[in-house]
C-alpha atoms as a PDB file:
ATOM      1  CA  MET A   1      11.527  25.275  20.863  1.00  0.00           C
ATOM      2  CA  ARG A   2      11.763  24.370  17.116  1.00  0.00           C
ATOM      3  CA  PRO A   3      13.801  20.906  18.236  1.00  0.00           C
ATOM      4  CA  THR A   4      11.426  19.849  20.478  1.00  0.00           C
ATOM      5  CA  TYR A   5       8.808  20.513  17.652  1.00  0.00           C
ATOM      6  CA  ALA A   6      10.693  18.523  14.977  1.00  0.00           C
ATOM      7  CA  ALA A   7      11.202  15.924  17.688  1.00  0.00           C
ATOM      8  CA  ALA A   8       7.792  15.547  18.254  1.00  0.00           C
ATOM      9  CA  VAL A   9       6.433  15.807  14.994  1.00  0.00           C
ATOM     10  CA  SER A  10       9.264  12.837  14.047  1.00  0.00           C
ATOM     11  CA  ALA A  11       8.162  10.531  16.722  1.00  0.00           C
ATOM     12  CA  LEU A  12       4.539  11.132  15.434  1.00  0.00           C
ATOM     13  CA  LEU A  13       5.667   9.982  12.089  1.00  0.00           C
ATOM     14  CA  LEU A  14       7.621   7.155  13.246  1.00  0.00           C
ATOM     15  CA  ALA A  15       4.753   5.974  15.323  1.00  0.00           C
ATOM     16  CA  ALA A  16       2.395   6.126  12.044  1.00  0.00           C
ATOM     17  CA  LEU A  17       5.131   4.471   9.864  1.00  0.00           C
ATOM     18  CA  THR A  18       5.293   1.590  12.680  1.00  0.00           C
ATOM     19  CA  ALA A  19       1.784   1.456  12.745  1.00  0.00           C
ATOM     20  CA  CYS A  20       0.816   1.161   9.321  1.00  0.00           C
ATOM     21  CA  GLY A  21       3.493  -1.382   8.746  1.00  0.00           C
ATOM     22  CA  SER A  22       2.065  -3.591  11.458  1.00  0.00           C
ATOM     23  CA  SER A  23      -1.472  -3.337   9.804  1.00  0.00           C
ATOM     24  CA  ASP A  24      -0.068  -4.229   6.158  1.00  0.00           C
ATOM     25  CA  GLU A  25       1.286  -7.512   7.498  1.00  0.00           C
ATOM     26  CA  GLY A  26      -1.442  -7.948   9.602  1.00  0.00           C
ATOM     27  CA  ASP A  27      -3.792  -7.544   6.780  1.00  0.00           C
ATOM     28  CA  ALA A  28      -1.772 -10.115   4.700  1.00  0.00           C
ATOM     29  CA  LYS A  29      -2.001 -12.560   7.254  1.00  0.00           C
ATOM     30  CA  ASP A  30      -5.679 -12.089   7.231  1.00  0.00           C
ATOM     31  CA  LYS A  31      -5.691 -12.274   3.635  1.00  0.00           C
ATOM     32  CA  GLN A  32      -3.689 -15.510   3.427  1.00  0.00           C
ATOM     33  CA  LYS A  33      -6.156 -17.186   6.244  1.00  0.00           C
ATOM     34  CA  ASP A  34      -9.132 -16.460   4.400  1.00  0.00           C
ATOM     35  CA  ALA A  35      -7.986 -17.636   0.904  1.00  0.00           C
ATOM     36  CA  PRO A  36      -9.179 -20.742  -0.026  1.00  0.00           C
ATOM     37  CA  PRO A  37      -6.361 -23.916  -0.155  1.00  0.00           C
ATOM     38  CA  PRO A  38      -5.670 -25.412  -3.358  1.00  0.00           C
ATOM     39  CA  TYR A  39      -8.208 -27.900  -4.710  1.00  0.00           C
ATOM     40  CA  THR A  40      -8.723 -29.535  -7.600  1.00  0.00           C
ATOM     41  CA  VAL A  41     -11.969 -30.161  -9.099  1.00  0.00           C
ATOM     42  CA  VAL A  42     -11.786 -33.775  -9.329  1.00  0.00           C
ATOM     43  CA  LYS A  43     -15.605 -34.562 -10.636  1.00  0.00           C
ATOM     44  CA  GLU A  44     -18.219 -32.415 -12.096  1.00  0.00           C
ATOM     45  CA  LYS A  45     -21.267 -33.825 -13.412  1.00  0.00           C
ATOM     46  CA  GLY A  46     -24.474 -31.692 -13.492  1.00  0.00           C
ATOM     47  CA  ARG A  47     -25.033 -30.185 -10.709  1.00  0.00           C
ATOM     48  CA  SER A  48     -22.859 -32.314  -8.424  1.00  0.00           C
ATOM     49  CA  VAL A  49     -19.229 -31.461  -7.844  1.00  0.00           C
ATOM     50  CA  ASP A  50     -16.408 -33.024  -5.932  1.00  0.00           C
ATOM     51  CA  LEU A  51     -13.537 -30.863  -4.568  1.00  0.00           C
ATOM     52  CA  LEU A  52      -9.946 -32.724  -3.294  1.00  0.00           C
ATOM     53  CA  VAL A  53      -8.553 -30.526  -0.581  1.00  0.00           C
ATOM     54  CA  GLU A  54      -5.394 -32.274   0.503  1.00  0.00           C
ATOM     55  CA  GLU A  55      -5.679 -32.976   4.119  1.00  0.00           C
ATOM     56  CA  ALA A  56      -8.956 -31.025   4.248  1.00  0.00           C
ATOM     57  CA  THR A  57     -10.001 -29.633   7.711  1.00  0.00           C
ATOM     58  CA  LYS A  58     -13.445 -27.908   8.042  1.00  0.00           C
ATOM     59  CA  ASP A  59     -12.362 -24.501   7.415  1.00  0.00           C
ATOM     60  CA  SER A  60     -10.597 -25.258   4.440  1.00  0.00           C
ATOM     61  CA  ALA A  61     -13.196 -27.273   2.778  1.00  0.00           C
ATOM     62  CA  THR A  62     -15.937 -24.904   3.249  1.00  0.00           C
ATOM     63  CA  ALA A  63     -13.259 -21.969   2.225  1.00  0.00           C
ATOM     64  CA  ALA A  64     -12.982 -24.157  -0.835  1.00  0.00           C
ATOM     65  CA  ILE A  65     -16.718 -24.738  -1.297  1.00  0.00           C
ATOM     66  CA  HIS A  66     -16.889 -20.834  -1.148  1.00  0.00           C
ATOM     67  CA  ASP A  67     -14.522 -20.243  -3.840  1.00  0.00           C
ATOM     68  CA  TRP A  68     -15.787 -22.779  -6.021  1.00  0.00           C
ATOM     69  CA  ILE A  69     -19.708 -21.323  -6.055  1.00  0.00           C
ATOM     70  CA  ASP A  70     -18.221 -17.682  -6.412  1.00  0.00           C
ATOM     71  CA  LYS A  71     -16.092 -18.254  -9.310  1.00  0.00           C
ATOM     72  CA  SER A  72     -17.829 -21.584 -11.038  1.00  0.00           C
ATOM     73  CA  ILE A  73     -21.579 -21.319 -10.312  1.00  0.00           C
ATOM     74  CA  GLY A  74     -22.073 -19.108 -13.126  1.00  0.00           C
ATOM     75  CA  ASP A  75     -26.102 -19.136 -13.890  1.00  0.00           C
ATOM     76  CA  ARG A  76     -26.861 -22.358 -12.059  1.00  0.00           C
ATOM     77  CA  THR A  77     -29.846 -22.103  -9.724  1.00  0.00           C
ATOM     78  CA  TYR A  78     -28.824 -25.300  -7.972  1.00  0.00           C
ATOM     79  CA  ALA A  79     -25.581 -27.457  -7.058  1.00  0.00           C
ATOM     80  CA  SER A  80     -24.325 -29.798  -4.510  1.00  0.00           C
ATOM     81  CA  VAL A  81     -20.548 -29.467  -3.663  1.00  0.00           C
ATOM     82  CA  ALA A  82     -18.682 -31.710  -1.924  1.00  0.00           C
ATOM     83  CA  VAL A  83     -14.815 -31.900  -0.612  1.00  0.00           C
ATOM     84  CA  VAL A  84     -12.719 -35.116  -0.371  1.00  0.00           C
ATOM     85  CA  ARG A  85      -9.540 -35.654   1.119  1.00  0.00           C
ATOM     86  CA  SER A  86      -8.282 -38.156  -1.822  1.00  0.00           C
ATOM     87  CA  LYS A  87      -9.480 -38.968  -5.491  1.00  0.00           C
ATOM     88  CA  ASP A  88     -10.578 -42.561  -4.205  1.00  0.00           C
ATOM     89  CA  ALA A  89     -12.054 -41.022  -0.770  1.00  0.00           C
ATOM     90  CA  GLY A  90     -15.201 -42.678   0.274  1.00  0.00           C
ATOM     91  CA  THR A  91     -15.694 -39.872   3.198  1.00  0.00           C
ATOM     92  CA  ILE A  92     -16.887 -36.515   2.791  1.00  0.00           C
ATOM     93  CA  VAL A  93     -15.051 -33.552   4.660  1.00  0.00           C
ATOM     94  CA  CYS A  94     -17.774 -31.221   3.932  1.00  0.00           C
ATOM     95  CA  ARG A  95     -20.870 -30.693   1.520  1.00  0.00           C
ATOM     96  CA  ALA A  96     -22.913 -27.745   0.588  1.00  0.00           C
ATOM     97  CA  GLU A  97     -25.951 -27.202  -1.673  1.00  0.00           C
ATOM     98  CA  TYR A  98     -25.966 -23.757  -3.306  1.00  0.00           C
ATOM     99  CA  VAL A  99     -29.654 -22.734  -4.080  1.00  0.00           C
ATOM    100  CA  ALA A 100     -30.278 -19.654  -5.774  1.00  0.00           C
ATOM    101  CA  ASP A 101     -33.830 -18.941  -4.654  1.00  0.00           C
ATOM    102  CA  GLU A 102     -36.856 -19.867  -2.754  1.00  0.00           C
ATOM    103  CA  GLN A 103     -38.636 -21.713  -5.732  1.00  0.00           C
ATOM    104  CA  THR A 104     -35.546 -23.563  -6.501  1.00  0.00           C
ATOM    105  CA  ALA A 105     -35.093 -24.758  -3.158  1.00  0.00           C
ATOM    106  CA  GLU A 106     -38.745 -25.759  -2.682  1.00  0.00           C
ATOM    107  CA  VAL A 107     -38.685 -28.014  -6.041  1.00  0.00           C
ATOM    108  CA  GLN A 108     -35.110 -29.426  -5.708  1.00  0.00           C
ATOM    109  CA  THR A 109     -35.019 -29.631  -1.867  1.00  0.00           C
ATOM    110  CA  GLY A 110     -38.491 -30.109  -1.016  1.00  0.00           C
ATOM    111  CA  GLY A 111     -38.373 -27.291   1.119  1.00  0.00           C
ATOM    112  CA  ARG A 112     -36.028 -28.633   3.048  1.00  0.00           C
ATOM    113  CA  ILE A 113     -33.690 -26.029   2.731  1.00  0.00           C
ATOM    114  CA  THR A 114     -34.824 -22.629   3.586  1.00  0.00           C
ATOM    115  CA  ALA A 115     -33.449 -18.968   4.366  1.00  0.00           C
ATOM    116  CA  SER A 116     -34.219 -15.423   4.761  1.00  0.00           C
ATOM    117  CA  ASP A 117     -31.886 -14.417   2.122  1.00  0.00           C
ATOM    118  CA  TRP A 118     -31.022 -15.895  -1.265  1.00  0.00           C
ATOM    119  CA  PRO A 119     -28.666 -17.088  -2.695  1.00  0.00           C
ATOM    120  CA  HIS A 120     -28.292 -19.730   0.153  1.00  0.00           C
ATOM    121  CA  THR A 121     -25.472 -21.910   0.874  1.00  0.00           C
ATOM    122  CA  GLU A 122     -26.368 -25.057   2.996  1.00  0.00           C
ATOM    123  CA  LEU A 123     -23.257 -26.753   4.875  1.00  0.00           C
ATOM    124  CA  ASP A 124     -22.819 -29.768   6.377  1.00  0.00           C
ATOM    125  CA  CYS A 125     -19.498 -31.366   7.654  1.00  0.00           C
ATOM    126  CA  PRO A 126     -19.670 -35.000   8.998  1.00  0.00           C
ATOM    127  CA  ASP A 127     -16.089 -35.471   8.590  1.00  0.00           C
ATOM    128  CA  PRO A 128     -14.468 -32.558   9.704  1.00  0.00           C
ATOM    129  CA  GLY A 129     -11.324 -33.867  11.482  1.00  0.00           C
ATOM    130  CA  GLY A 130     -10.947 -37.227   9.734  1.00  0.00           C
ATOM    131  CA  SER A 131     -11.579 -40.701  10.582  1.00  0.00           C
END
């Protein structure tokens, strides 16, 4: 009876360890997927910021925008953030407007931006795949 019990416990422990290993690997892949791409601030003037993300897609551009806002918005109540694929690019991959509150949205956008929760980031991706 004892060997059967030990075998059962060993099998359960092995299954638990295997599951944890898979989960950790999956978590690492999810974090890597959610991580923003490398980007460079190529222009920052007043409330306007341009980020360079080489070979940007809609997903990588929006991840860079959100990362920049999370790390750099500070006490600003409004900012316009754009992502380009090259420094001299004339085409914007994605752009966003960050608005801290409803009053700022009314003043800065003439009420064009509305939201149920503040702060709010309005995204637009006119060239997500590259043209």
